[in-house]
């Protein structure tokens, strides 16, 4: 569910939604989601002074807490 949420929000933000990809890495009680976007769309996902990225990470954290798990979001370019 979180993977789908991340993908949906990211595709809504970028100009090239086909380049959006989410990888999942689980370690212990924590799950890390790696969001990969086109290099041209990095600014749209990060936002000014990282405000969009911070809000995105908060959204993922809240959704994970509701499911009873811990989650982190890492944003990288393709």
PDB file of N, CA and C in Angstrom:
ATOM      1  N   UNK A   1       0.815  -1.200   0.000  1.00  0.00           N
ATOM      2  CA  UNK A   1       0.000   0.000   0.000  1.00  0.00           C
ATOM      3  C   UNK A   1       0.859   1.265   0.000  1.00  0.00           C
ATOM      4  N   UNK A   2       1.890   1.307   0.835  1.00  0.00           N
ATOM      5  CA  UNK A   2       2.743   2.492   0.871  1.00  0.00           C
ATOM      6  C   UNK A   2       3.461   2.715  -0.452  1.00  0.00           C
ATOM      7  N   UNK A   3       3.879   1.632  -1.064  1.00  0.00           N
ATOM      8  CA  UNK A   3       4.563   1.732  -2.351  1.00  0.00           C
ATOM      9  C   UNK A   3       3.648   2.384  -3.385  1.00  0.00           C
ATOM     10  N   UNK A   4       2.386   1.994  -3.380  1.00  0.00           N
ATOM     11  CA  UNK A   4       1.421   2.565  -4.322  1.00  0.00           C
ATOM     12  C   UNK A   4       1.160   4.034  -4.013  1.00  0.00           C
ATOM     13  N   UNK A   5       1.100   4.393  -2.738  1.00  0.00           N
ATOM     14  CA  UNK A   5       0.901   5.783  -2.334  1.00  0.00           C
ATOM     15  C   UNK A   5       2.059   6.646  -2.807  1.00  0.00           C
ATOM     16  N   UNK A   6       3.281   6.188  -2.589  1.00  0.00           N
ATOM     17  CA  UNK A   6       4.474   6.935  -3.000  1.00  0.00           C
ATOM     18  C   UNK A   6       4.487   7.130  -4.509  1.00  0.00           C
ATOM     19  N   UNK A   7       4.196   6.062  -5.227  1.00  0.00           N
ATOM     20  CA  UNK A   7       4.194   6.134  -6.686  1.00  0.00           C
ATOM     21  C   UNK A   7       3.117   7.097  -7.187  1.00  0.00           C
ATOM     22  N   UNK A   8       1.944   7.042  -6.600  1.00  0.00           N
ATOM     23  CA  UNK A   8       0.840   7.909  -7.017  1.00  0.00           C
ATOM     24  C   UNK A   8       1.188   9.384  -6.802  1.00  0.00           C
ATOM     25  N   UNK A   9       1.684   9.715  -5.625  1.00  0.00           N
ATOM     26  CA  UNK A   9       2.017  11.113  -5.316  1.00  0.00           C
ATOM     27  C   UNK A   9       3.150  11.598  -6.219  1.00  0.00           C
ATOM     28  N   UNK A  10       4.175  10.772  -6.385  1.00  0.00           N
ATOM     29  CA  UNK A  10       5.321  11.167  -7.219  1.00  0.00           C
ATOM     30  C   UNK A  10       4.900  11.401  -8.661  1.00  0.00           C
ATOM     31  N   UNK A  11       4.076  10.516  -9.196  1.00  0.00           N
ATOM     32  CA  UNK A  11       3.627  10.681 -10.580  1.00  0.00           C
ATOM     33  C   UNK A  11       2.778  11.934 -10.751  1.00  0.00           C
ATOM     34  N   UNK A  12       2.104  12.354  -9.688  1.00  0.00           N
ATOM     35  CA  UNK A  12       1.304  13.572  -9.744  1.00  0.00           C
ATOM     36  C   UNK A  12       2.177  14.822  -9.770  1.00  0.00           C
ATOM     37  N   UNK A  13       3.394  14.723  -9.248  1.00  0.00           N
ATOM     38  CA  UNK A  13       4.274  15.881  -9.146  1.00  0.00           C
ATOM     39  C   UNK A  13       5.155  16.103 -10.372  1.00  0.00           C
ATOM     40  N   UNK A  14       5.528  15.046 -11.070  1.00  0.00           N
ATOM     41  CA  UNK A  14       6.551  15.142 -12.113  1.00  0.00           C
ATOM     42  C   UNK A  14       5.968  15.329 -13.518  1.00  0.00           C
ATOM     43  N   UNK A  15       6.841  15.732 -14.445  1.00  0.00           N
ATOM     44  CA  UNK A  15       6.452  15.884 -15.848  1.00  0.00           C
ATOM     45  C   UNK A  15       6.578  14.567 -16.610  1.00  0.00           C
ATOM     46  N   UNK A  16       7.468  13.677 -16.144  1.00  0.00           N
ATOM     47  CA  UNK A  16       7.711  12.405 -16.808  1.00  0.00           C
ATOM     48  C   UNK A  16       7.327  11.253 -15.865  1.00  0.00           C
ATOM     49  N   UNK A  17       6.035  10.940 -15.760  1.00  0.00           N
ATOM     50  CA  UNK A  17       5.609   9.902 -14.809  1.00  0.00           C
ATOM     51  C   UNK A  17       6.092   8.498 -15.157  1.00  0.00           C
ATOM     52  N   UNK A  18       6.498   8.271 -16.416  1.00  0.00           N
ATOM     53  CA  UNK A  18       6.995   6.951 -16.797  1.00  0.00           C
ATOM     54  C   UNK A  18       8.345   6.638 -16.150  1.00  0.00           C
ATOM     55  N   UNK A  19       9.078   7.671 -15.729  1.00  0.00           N
ATOM     56  CA  UNK A  19      10.403   7.470 -15.130  1.00  0.00           C
ATOM     57  C   UNK A  19      10.329   7.226 -13.626  1.00  0.00           C
ATOM     58  N   UNK A  20       9.142   7.325 -13.050  1.00  0.00           N
ATOM     59  CA  UNK A  20       8.988   7.119 -11.602  1.00  0.00           C
ATOM     60  C   UNK A  20       9.033   5.631 -11.298  1.00  0.00           C
ATOM     61  N   UNK A  21       9.884   5.288 -10.316  1.00  0.00           N
ATOM     62  CA  UNK A  21      10.018   3.887  -9.915  1.00  0.00           C
ATOM     63  C   UNK A  21      10.269   3.837  -8.408  1.00  0.00           C
ATOM     64  N   UNK A  22       9.656   2.885  -7.725  1.00  0.00           N
ATOM     65  CA  UNK A  22       9.814   2.739  -6.279  1.00  0.00           C
ATOM     66  C   UNK A  22      10.396   1.365  -5.973  1.00  0.00           C
ATOM     67  N   UNK A  23      11.527   1.353  -5.251  1.00  0.00           N
ATOM     68  CA  UNK A  23      12.146   0.116  -4.777  1.00  0.00           C
ATOM     69  C   UNK A  23      11.963   0.038  -3.271  1.00  0.00           C
ATOM     70  N   UNK A  24      11.869  -1.181  -2.756  1.00  0.00           N
ATOM     71  CA  UNK A  24      11.637  -1.381  -1.329  1.00  0.00           C
ATOM     72  C   UNK A  24      12.774  -2.197  -0.738  1.00  0.00           C
ATOM     73  N   UNK A  25      13.254  -1.770   0.431  1.00  0.00           N
ATOM     74  CA  UNK A  25      14.290  -2.493   1.147  1.00  0.00           C
ATOM     75  C   UNK A  25      13.867  -2.621   2.607  1.00  0.00           C
ATOM     76  N   UNK A  26      13.750  -3.837   3.078  1.00  0.00           N
ATOM     77  CA  UNK A  26      13.346  -4.064   4.460  1.00  0.00           C
ATOM     78  C   UNK A  26      14.553  -4.492   5.279  1.00  0.00           C
ATOM     79  N   UNK A  27      14.663  -3.904   6.461  1.00  0.00           N
ATOM     80  CA  UNK A  27      15.732  -4.288   7.378  1.00  0.00           C
ATOM     81  C   UNK A  27      15.194  -4.225   8.801  1.00  0.00           C
ATOM     82  N   UNK A  28      15.023  -5.384   9.386  1.00  0.00           N
ATOM     83  CA  UNK A  28      14.494  -5.428  10.744  1.00  0.00           C
ATOM     84  C   UNK A  28      13.060  -4.942  10.789  1.00  0.00           C
ATOM     85  N   UNK A  29      12.802  -3.960  11.645  1.00  0.00           N
ATOM     86  CA  UNK A  29      11.456  -3.433  11.814  1.00  0.00           C
ATOM     87  C   UNK A  29      11.189  -2.218  10.932  1.00  0.00           C
ATOM     88  N   UNK A  30      12.168  -1.833  10.126  1.00  0.00           N
ATOM     89  CA  UNK A  30      12.041  -0.630   9.307  1.00  0.00           C
ATOM     90  C   UNK A  30      12.069  -0.972   7.821  1.00  0.00           C
ATOM     91  N   UNK A  31      11.313  -0.211   7.058  1.00  0.00           N
ATOM     92  CA  UNK A  31      11.278  -0.369   5.607  1.00  0.00           C
ATOM     93  C   UNK A  31      11.703   0.947   4.968  1.00  0.00           C
ATOM     94  N   UNK A  32      12.597   0.863   3.999  1.00  0.00           N
ATOM     95  CA  UNK A  32      13.039   2.048   3.281  1.00  0.00           C
ATOM     96  C   UNK A  32      12.528   1.972   1.850  1.00  0.00           C
ATOM     97  N   UNK A  33      11.893   3.044   1.423  1.00  0.00           N
ATOM     98  CA  UNK A  33      11.378   3.147   0.058  1.00  0.00           C
ATOM     99  C   UNK A  33      12.297   4.083  -0.717  1.00  0.00           C
ATOM    100  N   UNK A  34      12.802   3.613  -1.839  1.00  0.00           N
ATOM    101  CA  UNK A  34      13.683   4.404  -2.691  1.00  0.00           C
ATOM    102  C   UNK A  34      12.892   4.869  -3.898  1.00  0.00           C
ATOM    103  N   UNK A  35      12.653   6.162  -3.966  1.00  0.00           N
ATOM    104  CA  UNK A  35      11.914   6.762  -5.073  1.00  0.00           C
ATOM    105  C   UNK A  35      12.910   7.253  -6.114  1.00  0.00           C
ATOM    106  N   UNK A  36      12.795   6.746  -7.332  1.00  0.00           N
ATOM    107  CA  UNK A  36      13.673   7.152  -8.417  1.00  0.00           C
ATOM    108  C   UNK A  36      12.856   7.946  -9.430  1.00  0.00           C
ATOM    109  N   UNK A  37      13.351   9.138  -9.762  1.00  0.00           N
ATOM    110  CA  UNK A  37      12.672   9.994 -10.733  1.00  0.00           C
ATOM    111  C   UNK A  37      13.678  10.483 -11.764  1.00  0.00           C
ATOM    112  N   UNK A  38      13.179  11.005 -12.861  1.00  0.00           N
ATOM    113  CA  UNK A  38      14.009  11.585 -13.909  1.00  0.00           C
ATOM    114  C   UNK A  38      14.801  12.759 -13.314  1.00  0.00           C
ATOM    115  N   UNK A  39      16.076  12.913 -13.687  1.00  0.00           N
ATOM    116  CA  UNK A  39      16.874  14.024 -13.154  1.00  0.00           C
ATOM    117  C   UNK A  39      16.246  15.404 -13.378  1.00  0.00           C
ATOM    118  N   UNK A  40      15.503  15.561 -14.477  1.00  0.00           N
ATOM    119  CA  UNK A  40      14.856  16.841 -14.752  1.00  0.00           C
ATOM    120  C   UNK A  40      13.712  17.131 -13.781  1.00  0.00           C
ATOM    121  N   UNK A  41      13.177  16.096 -13.149  1.00  0.00           N
ATOM    122  CA  UNK A  41      12.049  16.255 -12.227  1.00  0.00           C
ATOM    123  C   UNK A  41      12.462  16.316 -10.755  1.00  0.00           C
ATOM    124  N   UNK A  42      13.755  16.253 -10.477  1.00  0.00           N
ATOM    125  CA  UNK A  42      14.211  16.267  -9.085  1.00  0.00           C
ATOM    126  C   UNK A  42      13.754  17.528  -8.350  1.00  0.00           C
ATOM    127  N   UNK A  43      13.816  18.664  -9.016  1.00  0.00           N
ATOM    128  CA  UNK A  43      13.406  19.916  -8.390  1.00  0.00           C
ATOM    129  C   UNK A  43      11.942  19.927  -8.011  1.00  0.00           C
ATOM    130  N   UNK A  44      11.122  19.286  -8.811  1.00  0.00           N
ATOM    131  CA  UNK A  44       9.687  19.235  -8.528  1.00  0.00           C
ATOM    132  C   UNK A  44       9.385  18.340  -7.334  1.00  0.00           C
ATOM    133  N   UNK A  45      10.172  17.278  -7.167  1.00  0.00           N
ATOM    134  CA  UNK A  45       9.939  16.348  -6.067  1.00  0.00           C
ATOM    135  C   UNK A  45      10.535  16.886  -4.768  1.00  0.00           C
ATOM    136  N   UNK A  46      11.643  17.613  -4.870  1.00  0.00           N
ATOM    137  CA  UNK A  46      12.290  18.141  -3.671  1.00  0.00           C
ATOM    138  C   UNK A  46      11.665  19.467  -3.249  1.00  0.00           C
ATOM    139  N   UNK A  47      11.404  20.347  -4.189  1.00  0.00           N
ATOM    140  CA  UNK A  47      10.789  21.630  -3.870  1.00  0.00           C
ATOM    141  C   UNK A  47      11.803  22.639  -3.351  1.00  0.00           C
ATOM    142  N   UNK A  48      11.337  23.831  -3.147  1.00  0.00           N
ATOM    143  CA  UNK A  48      12.209  24.886  -2.629  1.00  0.00           C
ATOM    144  C   UNK A  48      12.561  24.592  -1.182  1.00  0.00           C
ATOM    145  N   UNK A  49      13.863  24.620  -0.923  1.00  0.00           N
ATOM    146  CA  UNK A  49      14.408  24.345   0.409  1.00  0.00           C
ATOM    147  C   UNK A  49      13.931  22.996   0.951  1.00  0.00           C
ATOM    148  N   UNK A  50      13.566  22.080   0.063  1.00  0.00           N
ATOM    149  CA  UNK A  50      13.190  20.729   0.469  1.00  0.00           C
ATOM    150  C   UNK A  50      11.818  20.601   1.089  1.00  0.00           C
ATOM    151  N   UNK A  51      10.971  21.595   0.888  1.00  0.00           N
ATOM    152  CA  UNK A  51       9.650  21.581   1.528  1.00  0.00           C
ATOM    153  C   UNK A  51       8.762  20.445   1.028  1.00  0.00           C
ATOM    154  N   UNK A  52       8.760  20.189  -0.274  1.00  0.00           N
ATOM    155  CA  UNK A  52       7.916  19.116  -0.814  1.00  0.00           C
ATOM    156  C   UNK A  52       8.448  17.763  -0.365  1.00  0.00           C
ATOM    157  N   UNK A  53       9.779  17.585  -0.395  1.00  0.00           N
ATOM    158  CA  UNK A  53      10.377  16.324   0.050  1.00  0.00           C
ATOM    159  C   UNK A  53      10.062  16.083   1.527  1.00  0.00           C
ATOM    160  N   UNK A  54      10.138  17.114   2.343  1.00  0.00           N
ATOM    161  CA  UNK A  54       9.835  16.989   3.773  1.00  0.00           C
ATOM    162  C   UNK A  54       8.378  16.599   3.982  1.00  0.00           C
ATOM    163  N   UNK A  55       7.474  17.233   3.236  1.00  0.00           N
ATOM    164  CA  UNK A  55       6.051  16.901   3.344  1.00  0.00           C
ATOM    165  C   UNK A  55       5.784  15.481   2.855  1.00  0.00           C
ATOM    166  N   UNK A  56       6.466  15.086   1.794  1.00  0.00           N
ATOM    167  CA  UNK A  56       6.334  13.739   1.228  1.00  0.00           C
ATOM    168  C   UNK A  56       6.775  12.698   2.261  1.00  0.00           C
ATOM    169  N   UNK A  57       7.915  12.948   2.911  1.00  0.00           N
ATOM    170  CA  UNK A  57       8.414  12.024   3.933  1.00  0.00           C
ATOM    171  C   UNK A  57       7.472  11.961   5.125  1.00  0.00           C
ATOM    172  N   UNK A  58       6.896  13.086   5.492  1.00  0.00           N
ATOM    173  CA  UNK A  58       5.933  13.110   6.595  1.00  0.00           C
ATOM    174  C   UNK A  58       4.703  12.292   6.242  1.00  0.00           C
ATOM    175  N   UNK A  59       4.216  12.440   5.033  1.00  0.00           N
ATOM    176  CA  UNK A  59       3.063  11.671   4.562  1.00  0.00           C
ATOM    177  C   UNK A  59       3.339  10.173   4.628  1.00  0.00           C
ATOM    178  N   UNK A  60       4.518   9.758   4.166  1.00  0.00           N
ATOM    179  CA  UNK A  60       4.891   8.341   4.199  1.00  0.00           C
ATOM    180  C   UNK A  60       4.991   7.853   5.638  1.00  0.00           C
ATOM    181  N   UNK A  61       5.571   8.658   6.496  1.00  0.00           N
ATOM    182  CA  UNK A  61       5.716   8.278   7.903  1.00  0.00           C
ATOM    183  C   UNK A  61       4.361   8.101   8.583  1.00  0.00           C
ATOM    184  N   UNK A  62       3.448   9.003   8.314  1.00  0.00           N
ATOM    185  CA  UNK A  62       2.108   8.917   8.903  1.00  0.00           C
ATOM    186  C   UNK A  62       1.359   7.693   8.387  1.00  0.00           C
ATOM    187  N   UNK A  63       1.437   7.454   7.082  1.00  0.00           N
ATOM    188  CA  UNK A  63       0.767   6.288   6.497  1.00  0.00           C
ATOM    189  C   UNK A  63       1.353   4.993   7.061  1.00  0.00           C
ATOM    190  N   UNK A  64       2.668   4.954   7.262  1.00  0.00           N
ATOM    191  CA  UNK A  64       3.310   3.766   7.819  1.00  0.00           C
ATOM    192  C   UNK A  64       2.890   3.549   9.264  1.00  0.00           C
ATOM    193  N   UNK A  65       2.806   4.621  10.031  1.00  0.00           N
ATOM    194  CA  UNK A  65       2.389   4.525  11.429  1.00  0.00           C
ATOM    195  C   UNK A  65       0.974   3.986  11.534  1.00  0.00           C
ATOM    196  N   UNK A  66       0.116   4.397  10.624  1.00  0.00           N
ATOM    197  CA  UNK A  66      -1.262   3.887  10.627  1.00  0.00           C
ATOM    198  C   UNK A  66      -1.306   2.391  10.354  1.00  0.00           C
ATOM    199  N   UNK A  67      -0.305   1.885   9.609  1.00  0.00           N
ATOM    200  CA  UNK A  67      -0.228   0.459   9.324  1.00  0.00           C
ATOM    201  C   UNK A  67       0.571  -0.297  10.385  1.00  0.00           C
ATOM    202  N   UNK A  68       1.143   0.446  11.332  1.00  0.00           N
ATOM    203  CA  UNK A  68       1.898  -0.180  12.411  1.00  0.00           C
ATOM    204  C   UNK A  68       3.319  -0.553  12.046  1.00  0.00           C
ATOM    205  N   UNK A  69       3.903   0.121  11.079  1.00  0.00           N
ATOM    206  CA  UNK A  69       5.284  -0.144  10.667  1.00  0.00           C
ATOM    207  C   UNK A  69       6.077   1.160  10.637  1.00  0.00           C
ATOM    208  N   UNK A  70       7.395   1.049  10.492  1.00  0.00           N
ATOM    209  CA  UNK A  70       8.250   2.223  10.332  1.00  0.00           C
ATOM    210  C   UNK A  70       8.700   2.290   8.885  1.00  0.00           C
ATOM    211  N   UNK A  71       8.722   3.493   8.333  1.00  0.00           N
ATOM    212  CA  UNK A  71       9.119   3.635   6.932  1.00  0.00           C
ATOM    213  C   UNK A  71       9.916   4.911   6.732  1.00  0.00           C
ATOM    214  N   UNK A  72      10.875   4.836   5.824  1.00  0.00           N
ATOM    215  CA  UNK A  72      11.691   5.975   5.425  1.00  0.00           C
ATOM    216  C   UNK A  72      11.579   6.122   3.919  1.00  0.00           C
ATOM    217  N   UNK A  73      11.738   7.347   3.438  1.00  0.00           N
ATOM    218  CA  UNK A  73      11.695   7.616   2.008  1.00  0.00           C
ATOM    219  C   UNK A  73      12.997   8.262   1.584  1.00  0.00           C
ATOM    220  N   UNK A  74      13.657   7.661   0.601  1.00  0.00           N
ATOM    221  CA  UNK A  74      14.869   8.213   0.006  1.00  0.00           C
ATOM    222  C   UNK A  74      14.548   8.562  -1.443  1.00  0.00           C
ATOM    223  N   UNK A  75      14.944   9.742  -1.858  1.00  0.00           N
ATOM    224  CA  UNK A  75      14.674  10.194  -3.221  1.00  0.00           C
ATOM    225  C   UNK A  75      15.994  10.219  -3.999  1.00  0.00           C
ATOM    226  N   UNK A  76      15.990   9.555  -5.167  1.00  0.00           N
ATOM    227  CA  UNK A  76      17.193   9.555  -6.010  1.00  0.00           C
ATOM    228  C   UNK A  76      16.810   9.778  -7.457  1.00  0.00           C
ATOM    229  N   UNK A  77      17.815  10.195  -8.229  1.00  0.00           N
ATOM    230  CA  UNK A  77      17.552  10.402  -9.656  1.00  0.00           C
ATOM    231  C   UNK A  77      17.996   9.207 -10.459  1.00  0.00           C
ATOM    232  N   UNK A  78      17.337   8.998 -11.586  1.00  0.00           N
ATOM    233  CA  UNK A  78      17.602   7.831 -12.437  1.00  0.00           C
ATOM    234  C   UNK A  78      18.959   7.898 -13.067  1.00  0.00           C
TER     235      UNK A  78
END
